[in-house]
Amino acid sequence: MIAAQGKPSAIARLLSLLGQPQHSYRPSTEIFLDLNVNRIADNLHLAIDGGKRGAENRPTTDAETFDDIEHQVVELVETHKQDSHSIYLEHLHTYDERLTALNFEERFAIIQQAAPESVGEFRAEAALGRDELFSLRRRLYDSEQERDDFRRRHRLARPARLSSQGKTLLKVGILAVLFVIEVVVNGNFLAKSNAQGLLGGAVQAVSFAALNIIASFLWGLVPIRLINRRNWFLKLIGLLSGIGYLAFAIALNLTLAHLREIPPSVNGDVGQEVMTQLLKAPLVLNDILSWVFFGIGLIFSLIAMTDGLLFTDPYFGYASLEQRCNDARAHYTEGKAELIERLREIRDAASEAMNGAARDLSVRRGEFDSIIQARGRLAQRFAEHQNHIERSCRALLAIYREANRKTRTTPAPAYFARPYSMDRIVYVGTDRDETARDQLRQSILETQDILNRQIQAIHEAFDEAARSYREIDDLIPESKRGPSAVKTA
């Protein structure tokens, strides 16, 4: 539907032609009924009445008109002729309805209007797609400009290192594995100093493992990565963040090691006791397993920090710009593909509708020719049937007159020797003007030529639209200032 006008599109109007039946009737196979001369003669008693009247020398020798018996025969024959004529007119009307149902003029008008409109609608759709694609290309250009300006300002000569979905899952999986392992290790080690045993150790293990792994990951993901920036102030922040992280990791894992050495029997606050030991002698651990516990926790922390440091591009802020640029490029590429595919579907639908309309005209032309031929055969059969009626009437009159002659004593009237001539019914509408048929065929050919030209026009419009979409890349070329800028077609 055309939303602005609230009417079916040109393609829809072409397709609606294909669903219409060629006619709304059942073809009839009725034929004209022949007269049975012998049976009529017996029913009218022609031989008997002829003999009786002949014995009476009637009609007289000088008679010039038919007698009542002969008039009865003629009236019967005329009645049959009129009945046959009614059948003829009925069939003729049926054929005329079939011709009217072909409705060529309406189809010519719809095709001549809708076919060019379908090309116009296609061009309008292509123009809308061009505007949409231009917006996507502008967004891609702006994203590339922003990325290239970032490269220039930060003197980057390499593409951003983006993590694929598989790598991201791998790095997250490493964090999950570290967390689970540290929970198990912490639970076993801390159970010694917890009055609640394994259960209490497990609670502490989950808390400290989450703090150790997640905090270390975030240290590497954000502040430590600043050390890679060109700005010296940000480098200093990154360096201080690295030192701060080491202090945090060592302090946290020393706290866990001292917590392990606190016996369950200690009265008072365990946390305060751990803080006291850290302040008095932070590096004094009485059990070698505490040092092992400290080392395992520190190693897990370093792994988590490294995982965060390498989670995305080491140059802070570069990966997000590159990702936005890639997303804009993907949207532009997908948008172009979708627009071209949409135009291809419209083109194919319009071509199929026009080809269907052309085939429909050919089918209807064949139907028209068959109807004209059938009408001609009907007229010929009616003319032949009238000849049959005349011959039947002559035969009936001959039976009567022959019987009349045999019993006469006077000569038969002169008109007995003249054959009966029946007035023919001639229907002026039986013959179709051959010129009109030729004009119809010419109109069909011209309309099919219009359809073929519009099919070619819509294919050319598709090619033109595809070229115009490609030209957008020339109107808004990809920036070449970035060292790794690659022009996409």
Protein backbone atom coordinates (compact mmCIF):
# COMPACT_ATOMS: atom_id res chain seq x y z
CA MET A 1 0.00 0.00 0.00
CA ILE A 2 1.05 3.59 -0.64
CA ALA A 3 0.69 5.09 2.84
CA ALA A 4 0.42 8.69 1.68
CA GLN A 5 -2.41 7.99 -0.76
CA GLY A 6 -4.10 5.01 0.92
CA LYS A 7 -4.39 3.02 -2.30
CA PRO A 8 -2.85 -0.24 -3.54
CA SER A 9 0.59 0.01 -5.07
CA ALA A 10 1.09 -0.36 -8.81
CA ILE A 11 2.56 -3.84 -8.33
CA ALA A 12 -0.44 -4.88 -6.24
CA ARG A 13 -2.79 -3.69 -8.97
CA LEU A 14 -0.88 -5.69 -11.57
CA LEU A 15 -0.97 -8.79 -9.40
CA SER A 16 -4.73 -8.38 -8.85
CA LEU A 17 -5.24 -8.86 -12.60
CA LEU A 18 -3.78 -12.35 -12.42
CA GLY A 19 -6.29 -13.54 -9.83
CA GLN A 20 -9.36 -12.68 -11.91
CA PRO A 21 -11.10 -15.58 -13.75
CA GLN A 22 -11.22 -15.43 -17.51
CA HIS A 23 -15.02 -15.76 -17.51
CA SER A 24 -17.95 -16.27 -15.14
CA TYR A 25 -19.93 -18.98 -16.95
CA ARG A 26 -19.99 -22.66 -17.87
CA PRO A 27 -19.49 -23.35 -21.56
CA SER A 28 -22.56 -24.96 -23.15
CA THR A 29 -22.48 -27.97 -25.49
CA GLU A 30 -26.12 -27.78 -26.70
CA ILE A 31 -26.78 -28.28 -30.44
CA PHE A 32 -29.75 -27.64 -32.74
CA LEU A 33 -32.25 -30.47 -32.92
CA ASP A 34 -33.04 -31.95 -36.31
CA LEU A 35 -36.62 -32.61 -37.46
CA ASN A 36 -37.86 -36.19 -37.95
CA VAL A 37 -39.79 -35.92 -41.23
CA ASN A 38 -41.44 -39.35 -41.13
CA ARG A 39 -42.67 -38.92 -37.59
CA ILE A 40 -44.10 -35.48 -38.32
CA ALA A 41 -45.78 -36.76 -41.44
CA ASP A 42 -47.39 -39.58 -39.45
CA ASN A 43 -48.50 -37.23 -36.67
CA LEU A 44 -50.08 -34.82 -39.17
CA HIS A 45 -51.57 -37.67 -41.28
CA LEU A 46 -50.20 -35.98 -44.38
CA ALA A 47 -50.50 -39.00 -46.69
CA ILE A 48 -54.06 -39.76 -45.58
CA ASP A 49 -55.24 -36.16 -45.75
CA GLY A 50 -53.49 -35.73 -49.09
CA GLY A 51 -55.29 -38.74 -50.53
CA LYS A 52 -58.65 -37.58 -49.24
CA ARG A 53 -58.22 -34.07 -50.54
CA GLY A 54 -56.93 -35.34 -53.87
CA ALA A 55 -60.04 -37.48 -54.29
CA GLU A 56 -62.00 -34.29 -53.83
CA ASN A 57 -59.69 -32.46 -56.29
CA ARG A 58 -58.65 -30.04 -53.65
CA PRO A 59 -56.93 -27.72 -53.87
CA THR A 60 -58.29 -26.75 -57.25
CA THR A 61 -56.19 -26.75 -60.35
CA ASP A 62 -56.10 -22.99 -60.55
CA ALA A 63 -55.19 -22.53 -56.84
CA GLU A 64 -52.12 -20.35 -56.24
CA THR A 65 -51.81 -20.44 -52.45
CA PHE A 66 -51.24 -23.18 -49.93
CA ASP A 67 -54.23 -24.93 -48.47
CA ASP A 68 -54.77 -25.32 -44.75
CA ILE A 69 -52.79 -28.62 -44.55
CA GLU A 70 -49.81 -27.07 -46.22
CA HIS A 71 -50.10 -24.00 -43.99
CA GLN A 72 -50.11 -26.31 -40.98
CA VAL A 73 -46.83 -27.85 -42.16
CA VAL A 74 -45.30 -24.46 -42.79
CA GLU A 75 -46.38 -23.17 -39.38
CA LEU A 76 -44.87 -26.19 -37.67
CA VAL A 77 -41.61 -25.69 -39.50
CA GLU A 78 -41.58 -21.96 -38.78
CA THR A 79 -42.17 -22.67 -35.09
CA HIS A 80 -39.18 -25.01 -35.05
CA LYS A 81 -37.13 -22.38 -36.86
CA GLN A 82 -38.01 -19.78 -34.22
CA ASP A 83 -37.13 -22.23 -31.44
CA SER A 84 -33.78 -22.89 -33.06
CA HIS A 85 -33.28 -19.17 -33.44
CA SER A 86 -33.89 -18.73 -29.69
CA ILE A 87 -31.27 -21.36 -28.97
CA TYR A 88 -28.90 -19.61 -31.35
CA LEU A 89 -29.45 -16.24 -29.67
CA GLU A 90 -28.92 -17.80 -26.24
CA HIS A 91 -25.58 -19.28 -27.25
CA LEU A 92 -24.62 -16.08 -29.00
CA HIS A 93 -25.36 -14.13 -25.82
CA THR A 94 -23.17 -16.54 -23.87
CA TYR A 95 -20.28 -15.97 -26.24
CA ASP A 96 -20.79 -12.22 -26.04
CA GLU A 97 -20.65 -12.42 -22.25
CA ARG A 98 -17.42 -14.37 -22.49
CA LEU A 99 -15.97 -11.70 -24.75
CA THR A 100 -17.08 -8.98 -22.35
CA ALA A 101 -15.58 -10.87 -19.41
CA LEU A 102 -12.15 -10.75 -21.07
CA ASN A 103 -12.24 -7.00 -20.32
CA PHE A 104 -9.27 -6.02 -22.44
CA GLU A 105 -9.82 -2.28 -22.27
CA GLU A 106 -9.67 -2.15 -18.48
CA ARG A 107 -6.55 -4.27 -18.45
CA PHE A 108 -4.90 -2.08 -21.05
CA ALA A 109 -5.69 0.99 -18.95
CA ILE A 110 -4.40 -0.56 -15.70
CA ILE A 111 -1.22 -1.86 -17.29
CA GLN A 112 -0.48 1.40 -19.10
CA GLN A 113 -0.85 3.27 -15.82
CA ALA A 114 0.48 0.80 -13.25
CA ALA A 115 3.54 -0.45 -15.11
CA PRO A 116 5.25 2.98 -15.33
CA GLU A 117 4.10 3.76 -11.78
CA SER A 118 5.80 0.63 -10.49
CA VAL A 119 9.09 1.90 -11.92
CA GLY A 120 8.47 5.28 -10.28
CA GLU A 121 7.72 3.61 -6.94
CA PHE A 122 10.91 1.58 -7.27
CA ARG A 123 12.95 4.73 -7.88
CA ALA A 124 11.31 6.37 -4.86
CA GLU A 125 12.19 3.38 -2.70
CA ALA A 126 15.75 3.50 -4.00
CA ALA A 127 15.95 7.22 -3.14
CA LEU A 128 14.78 6.55 0.41
CA GLY A 129 17.38 3.80 0.72
CA ARG A 130 20.06 6.16 -0.56
CA ASP A 131 19.19 8.71 2.15
CA GLU A 132 19.29 6.00 4.81
CA LEU A 133 22.59 4.68 3.52
CA PHE A 134 24.03 8.19 3.35
CA SER A 135 23.28 8.64 7.05
CA LEU A 136 25.00 5.36 7.90
CA ARG A 137 27.99 6.30 5.77
CA ARG A 138 28.22 9.69 7.48
CA ARG A 139 28.23 7.99 10.86
CA LEU A 140 30.99 5.66 9.71
CA TYR A 141 32.99 8.60 8.39
CA ASP A 142 32.66 10.48 11.68
CA SER A 143 33.72 7.38 13.64
CA GLU A 144 36.75 6.94 11.39
CA GLN A 145 37.64 10.60 11.77
CA GLU A 146 37.45 10.32 15.55
CA ARG A 147 39.61 7.20 15.53
CA ASP A 148 42.15 8.69 13.14
CA ASP A 149 42.39 11.88 15.20
CA PHE A 150 43.02 9.71 18.25
CA ARG A 151 45.77 7.85 16.40
CA ARG A 152 47.37 11.06 15.26
CA ARG A 153 47.29 12.70 18.67
CA HIS A 154 48.67 9.63 20.39
CA ARG A 155 51.10 8.67 17.59
CA LEU A 156 49.68 5.17 17.15
CA ALA A 157 50.76 3.29 14.05
CA ARG A 158 48.97 0.00 14.72
CA PRO A 159 45.37 -1.16 14.72
CA ALA A 160 43.61 -1.64 18.00
CA ARG A 161 43.81 -5.08 19.56
CA LEU A 162 40.23 -6.09 20.03
CA SER A 163 39.24 -9.23 21.87
CA SER A 164 37.08 -11.60 19.93
CA GLN A 165 34.15 -13.29 21.58
CA GLY A 166 36.20 -16.45 22.02
CA LYS A 167 39.09 -14.60 23.66
CA THR A 168 36.73 -12.72 25.94
CA LEU A 169 35.12 -15.98 27.05
CA LEU A 170 38.58 -17.45 27.62
CA LYS A 171 39.68 -14.53 29.80
CA VAL A 172 36.46 -14.56 31.80
CA GLY A 173 36.85 -18.31 32.14
CA ILE A 174 40.36 -17.82 33.54
CA LEU A 175 38.96 -15.46 36.18
CA ALA A 176 36.25 -17.98 37.06
CA VAL A 177 38.77 -20.82 37.36
CA LEU A 178 41.08 -18.66 39.51
CA PHE A 179 38.16 -17.72 41.74
CA VAL A 180 37.07 -21.35 42.24
CA ILE A 181 40.60 -22.56 42.90
CA GLU A 182 41.29 -19.75 45.34
CA VAL A 183 38.03 -20.39 47.16
CA VAL A 184 39.05 -24.04 47.60
CA VAL A 185 42.62 -23.18 48.63
CA ASN A 186 41.53 -20.40 50.98
CA GLY A 187 38.86 -22.60 52.50
CA ASN A 188 41.36 -25.35 53.30
CA PHE A 189 44.01 -23.00 54.68
CA LEU A 190 41.69 -20.71 56.67
CA ALA A 191 39.78 -23.60 58.24
CA LYS A 192 42.72 -24.05 60.65
CA SER A 193 42.24 -20.63 62.28
CA ASN A 194 38.43 -20.48 62.15
CA ALA A 195 36.44 -21.69 65.12
CA GLN A 196 33.72 -22.93 62.80
CA GLY A 197 36.09 -25.11 60.83
CA LEU A 198 35.54 -25.72 57.13
CA LEU A 199 32.25 -23.85 57.07
CA GLY A 200 33.69 -20.71 58.58
CA GLY A 201 36.77 -21.02 56.40
CA ALA A 202 34.59 -21.33 53.30
CA VAL A 203 32.77 -18.09 54.10
CA GLN A 204 36.04 -16.25 54.58
CA ALA A 205 37.49 -17.94 51.48
CA VAL A 206 34.70 -16.68 49.22
CA SER A 207 35.01 -13.13 50.55
CA PHE A 208 38.76 -12.87 50.24
CA ALA A 209 38.88 -14.73 46.91
CA ALA A 210 36.33 -12.33 45.40
CA LEU A 211 38.30 -9.35 46.72
CA ASN A 212 41.65 -10.73 45.57
CA ILE A 213 40.58 -11.80 42.06
CA ILE A 214 38.05 -9.10 41.14
CA ALA A 215 40.02 -6.20 42.61
CA SER A 216 43.23 -7.36 40.93
CA PHE A 217 41.41 -7.69 37.60
CA LEU A 218 40.02 -4.16 37.90
CA TRP A 219 43.45 -2.78 38.83
CA GLY A 220 44.85 -4.19 35.58
CA LEU A 221 41.81 -3.24 33.47
CA VAL A 222 41.70 0.47 34.33
CA PRO A 223 44.37 2.35 36.28
CA ILE A 224 47.51 0.34 35.48
CA ARG A 225 46.78 0.51 31.72
CA LEU A 226 47.26 4.27 31.91
CA ILE A 227 51.00 3.61 31.96
CA ASN A 228 50.80 3.01 28.19
CA ARG A 229 49.44 6.50 27.47
CA ARG A 230 51.62 9.13 25.78
CA ASN A 231 50.70 11.74 28.34
CA TRP A 232 53.32 11.82 31.09
CA PHE A 233 50.82 12.70 33.76
CA LEU A 234 48.69 9.66 32.87
CA LYS A 235 51.85 7.52 32.71
CA LEU A 236 52.66 8.63 36.23
CA ILE A 237 49.16 7.72 37.36
CA GLY A 238 49.55 4.31 35.76
CA LEU A 239 52.95 3.78 37.38
CA LEU A 240 51.64 4.80 40.80
CA SER A 241 48.64 2.54 40.22
CA GLY A 242 50.99 -0.36 39.54
CA ILE A 243 52.88 0.32 42.75
CA GLY A 244 49.61 0.72 44.61
CA TYR A 245 48.39 -2.58 43.20
CA LEU A 246 51.54 -4.42 44.40
CA ALA A 247 51.09 -2.92 47.83
CA PHE A 248 47.42 -3.93 47.81
CA ALA A 249 48.13 -7.50 46.64
CA ILE A 250 50.96 -8.05 49.12
CA ALA A 251 48.99 -6.54 51.98
CA LEU A 252 45.86 -8.55 51.22
CA ASN A 253 47.67 -11.88 50.93
CA LEU A 254 49.83 -11.18 54.02
CA THR A 255 46.59 -10.49 55.87
CA LEU A 256 45.27 -13.89 54.76
CA ALA A 257 48.52 -15.58 55.80
CA HIS A 258 48.43 -13.97 59.26
CA LEU A 259 44.73 -14.83 59.56
CA ARG A 260 45.63 -18.47 58.97
CA GLU A 261 48.12 -18.45 61.86
CA ILE A 262 45.62 -17.05 64.39
CA PRO A 263 44.57 -20.06 66.51
CA PRO A 264 40.84 -20.66 66.96
CA SER A 265 41.25 -20.42 70.73
CA VAL A 266 42.21 -16.74 70.64
CA ASN A 267 39.87 -14.64 72.68
CA GLY A 268 38.75 -11.27 71.33
CA ASP A 269 38.47 -9.82 67.89
CA VAL A 270 40.37 -11.92 65.31
CA GLY A 271 40.52 -9.06 62.84
CA GLN A 272 42.08 -6.75 65.41
CA GLU A 273 44.62 -9.40 66.27
CA VAL A 274 45.56 -9.75 62.57
CA MET A 275 45.99 -5.98 62.24
CA THR A 276 48.21 -5.98 65.31
CA GLN A 277 50.46 -8.68 63.81
CA LEU A 278 50.64 -6.81 60.47
CA LEU A 279 51.72 -3.61 62.19
CA LYS A 280 54.27 -5.26 64.51
CA ALA A 281 55.84 -7.88 62.26
CA PRO A 282 54.23 -8.05 58.82
CA LEU A 283 56.87 -10.39 57.37
CA VAL A 284 57.06 -12.76 60.33
CA LEU A 285 55.17 -15.99 59.63
CA ASN A 286 55.73 -19.01 61.85
CA ASP A 287 54.43 -21.68 59.46
CA ILE A 288 55.95 -22.44 56.06
CA LEU A 289 52.43 -23.25 54.80
CA SER A 290 51.46 -19.66 55.53
CA TRP A 291 54.17 -18.50 53.14
CA VAL A 292 52.87 -21.01 50.58
CA PHE A 293 49.36 -19.62 51.16
CA PHE A 294 50.71 -16.10 50.70
CA GLY A 295 52.53 -17.03 47.47
CA ILE A 296 49.51 -18.80 45.97
CA GLY A 297 47.26 -15.83 46.67
CA LEU A 298 49.82 -13.36 45.26
CA ILE A 299 50.29 -15.43 42.10
CA PHE A 300 46.51 -15.64 41.56
CA SER A 301 46.30 -11.89 42.09
CA LEU A 302 49.04 -11.26 39.50
CA ILE A 303 47.33 -13.56 37.01
CA ALA A 304 44.01 -11.75 37.52
CA MET A 305 45.72 -8.36 37.16
CA THR A 306 47.46 -9.50 33.95
CA ASP A 307 44.16 -10.80 32.66
CA GLY A 308 42.63 -7.39 33.20
CA LEU A 309 45.65 -5.66 31.65
CA LEU A 310 45.37 -7.79 28.50
CA PHE A 311 41.57 -7.96 28.44
CA THR A 312 41.48 -5.37 25.66
CA ASP A 313 43.93 -3.07 23.87
CA PRO A 314 46.66 -1.94 26.30
CA TYR A 315 46.34 1.68 25.15
CA PHE A 316 43.51 3.03 27.26
CA GLY A 317 40.56 4.33 25.22
CA TYR A 318 41.83 3.03 21.86
CA ALA A 319 39.80 -0.19 21.82
CA SER A 320 36.48 1.54 22.45
CA LEU A 321 37.08 3.92 19.53
CA GLU A 322 38.04 1.07 17.24
CA GLN A 323 35.00 -0.92 18.36
CA ARG A 324 32.68 2.00 17.61
CA CYS A 325 34.28 2.37 14.20
CA ASN A 326 33.88 -1.35 13.50
CA ASP A 327 30.26 -1.24 14.65
CA ALA A 328 29.56 1.73 12.36
CA ARG A 329 31.22 -0.10 9.47
CA ALA A 330 29.21 -3.25 10.19
CA HIS A 331 25.98 -1.22 10.33
CA TYR A 332 26.86 0.46 7.04
CA THR A 333 27.73 -2.82 5.32
CA GLU A 334 24.66 -4.60 6.66
CA GLY A 335 22.47 -1.62 5.82
CA LYS A 336 23.74 -1.55 2.26
CA ALA A 337 23.19 -5.29 1.88
CA GLU A 338 19.67 -5.06 3.32
CA LEU A 339 18.76 -2.11 1.10
CA ILE A 340 20.04 -3.84 -2.04
CA GLU A 341 18.24 -7.04 -1.08
CA ARG A 342 15.03 -5.09 -0.48
CA LEU A 343 15.34 -3.45 -3.89
CA ARG A 344 16.06 -6.83 -5.44
CA GLU A 345 12.87 -8.24 -3.91
CA ILE A 346 10.84 -5.27 -5.19
CA ARG A 347 12.42 -5.61 -8.63
CA ASP A 348 11.69 -9.33 -8.78
CA ALA A 349 8.11 -8.84 -7.58
CA ALA A 350 7.50 -6.10 -10.15
CA SER A 351 9.09 -8.14 -12.94
CA GLU A 352 7.03 -11.19 -12.02
CA ALA A 353 3.84 -9.11 -11.92
CA MET A 354 4.56 -7.58 -15.34
CA ASN A 355 5.52 -10.92 -16.86
CA GLY A 356 2.34 -12.38 -15.38
CA ALA A 357 0.30 -9.56 -16.90
CA ALA A 358 1.93 -10.16 -20.30
CA ARG A 359 1.21 -13.90 -20.07
CA ASP A 360 -2.35 -13.14 -19.00
CA LEU A 361 -2.87 -11.02 -22.11
CA SER A 362 -1.57 -13.84 -24.29
CA VAL A 363 -3.92 -16.32 -22.63
CA ARG A 364 -6.86 -13.97 -23.03
CA ARG A 365 -5.97 -13.34 -26.65
CA GLY A 366 -6.12 -17.09 -27.25
CA GLU A 367 -9.45 -17.19 -25.42
CA PHE A 368 -10.70 -14.31 -27.58
CA ASP A 369 -9.70 -16.14 -30.78
CA SER A 370 -11.37 -19.35 -29.61
CA ILE A 371 -14.58 -17.48 -28.75
CA ILE A 372 -14.64 -15.78 -32.16
CA GLN A 373 -14.08 -19.11 -33.88
CA ALA A 374 -16.84 -20.70 -31.77
CA ARG A 375 -19.23 -17.87 -32.65
CA GLY A 376 -18.42 -18.39 -36.32
CA ARG A 377 -19.07 -22.12 -36.04
CA LEU A 378 -22.33 -21.40 -34.22
CA ALA A 379 -23.50 -19.10 -37.01
CA GLN A 380 -22.51 -21.70 -39.60
CA ARG A 381 -24.39 -24.44 -37.77
CA PHE A 382 -27.47 -22.24 -37.51
CA ALA A 383 -27.33 -21.48 -41.22
CA GLU A 384 -26.97 -25.21 -41.97
CA HIS A 385 -29.83 -25.97 -39.59
CA GLN A 386 -32.07 -23.54 -41.47
CA ASN A 387 -31.20 -25.40 -44.66
CA HIS A 388 -32.19 -28.60 -42.89
CA ILE A 389 -35.51 -27.04 -41.82
CA GLU A 390 -36.21 -25.96 -45.41
CA ARG A 391 -35.43 -29.43 -46.73
CA SER A 392 -37.64 -30.98 -44.04
CA CYS A 393 -40.51 -28.67 -44.97
CA ARG A 394 -40.13 -29.56 -48.66
CA ALA A 395 -40.15 -33.23 -47.79
CA LEU A 396 -43.30 -32.89 -45.70
CA LEU A 397 -45.05 -30.94 -48.45
CA ALA A 398 -43.91 -33.50 -51.01
CA ILE A 399 -45.50 -36.32 -48.98
CA TYR A 400 -48.77 -34.46 -48.85
CA ARG A 401 -48.73 -33.41 -52.51
CA GLU A 402 -47.70 -36.80 -53.82
CA ALA A 403 -50.60 -38.45 -52.00
CA ASN A 404 -52.86 -35.68 -53.32
CA ARG A 405 -51.74 -36.22 -56.92
CA LYS A 406 -52.37 -39.94 -56.82
CA THR A 407 -56.08 -39.58 -56.05
CA ARG A 408 -56.86 -36.53 -58.15
CA THR A 409 -58.87 -36.64 -61.32
CA THR A 410 -57.92 -33.12 -62.30
CA PRO A 411 -54.45 -31.69 -62.76
CA ALA A 412 -52.61 -30.59 -59.60
CA PRO A 413 -52.11 -26.90 -58.97
CA ALA A 414 -49.07 -25.43 -60.67
CA TYR A 415 -47.44 -24.39 -57.38
CA PHE A 416 -47.16 -28.13 -56.43
CA ALA A 417 -44.18 -28.22 -58.81
CA ARG A 418 -42.44 -25.26 -57.26
CA PRO A 419 -40.08 -26.07 -54.34
CA TYR A 420 -40.80 -24.40 -51.00
CA SER A 421 -38.45 -21.53 -50.17
CA MET A 422 -38.13 -20.60 -46.49
CA ASP A 423 -37.20 -17.12 -45.35
CA ARG A 424 -33.82 -17.21 -43.64
CA ILE A 425 -33.03 -15.51 -40.32
CA VAL A 426 -29.83 -13.54 -40.68
CA TYR A 427 -28.29 -12.16 -37.46
CA VAL A 428 -26.15 -9.17 -38.21
CA GLY A 429 -24.01 -9.71 -35.09
CA THR A 430 -22.59 -13.06 -36.09
CA ASP A 431 -19.65 -11.78 -38.07
CA ARG A 432 -16.86 -10.06 -36.21
CA ASP A 433 -14.95 -7.41 -38.06
CA GLU A 434 -11.56 -8.83 -38.91
CA THR A 435 -10.12 -5.33 -38.63
CA ALA A 436 -11.29 -5.13 -35.00
CA ARG A 437 -9.57 -8.45 -34.29
CA ASP A 438 -6.36 -7.18 -35.83
CA GLN A 439 -6.62 -3.99 -33.80
CA LEU A 440 -7.04 -5.99 -30.61
CA ARG A 441 -4.00 -8.08 -31.40
CA GLN A 442 -2.05 -4.91 -32.15
CA SER A 443 -3.18 -3.37 -28.84
CA ILE A 444 -2.10 -6.51 -26.98
CA LEU A 445 1.30 -6.44 -28.66
CA GLU A 446 1.73 -2.76 -27.83
CA THR A 447 0.74 -3.35 -24.19
CA GLN A 448 3.11 -6.30 -23.91
CA ASP A 449 5.81 -4.10 -25.39
CA ILE A 450 5.06 -1.53 -22.65
CA LEU A 451 5.44 -4.25 -20.03
CA ASN A 452 8.73 -5.44 -21.53
CA ARG A 453 10.06 -1.88 -21.61
CA GLN A 454 9.05 -1.31 -17.99
CA ILE A 455 10.66 -4.59 -16.94
CA GLN A 456 13.86 -3.41 -18.60
CA ALA A 457 13.42 0.01 -16.99
CA ILE A 458 13.06 -1.45 -13.51
CA HIS A 459 16.19 -3.57 -14.03
CA GLU A 460 18.05 -0.46 -15.16
CA ALA A 461 16.69 1.41 -12.14
CA PHE A 462 18.02 -1.38 -9.89
CA ASP A 463 21.47 -1.15 -11.48
CA GLU A 464 21.35 2.62 -11.17
CA ALA A 465 20.40 2.38 -7.50
CA ALA A 466 23.22 -0.07 -6.82
CA ARG A 467 25.67 2.30 -8.53
CA SER A 468 24.35 5.26 -6.53
CA TYR A 469 24.87 3.29 -3.32
CA ARG A 470 28.46 2.63 -4.32
CA GLU A 471 28.93 6.29 -5.21
CA ILE A 472 28.23 7.22 -1.59
CA ASP A 473 31.70 5.85 -0.79
CA ASP A 474 33.12 8.36 -3.29
CA LEU A 475 31.04 11.22 -1.90
CA ILE A 476 32.13 10.42 1.65
CA PRO A 477 35.45 8.57 1.25
CA GLU A 478 37.03 6.74 4.12
CA SER A 479 39.66 8.76 5.92
CA LYS A 480 43.20 8.00 4.84
CA ARG A 481 44.89 9.82 7.66
CA GLY A 482 44.90 6.76 9.88
CA PRO A 483 47.97 4.60 9.28
CA SER A 484 45.92 1.46 8.96
CA ALA A 485 42.90 2.93 7.20
CA VAL A 486 41.66 0.49 4.61
CA LYS A 487 39.15 1.68 2.05
CA THR A 488 36.14 -0.56 1.82
CA ALA A 489 34.22 -0.87 -1.38
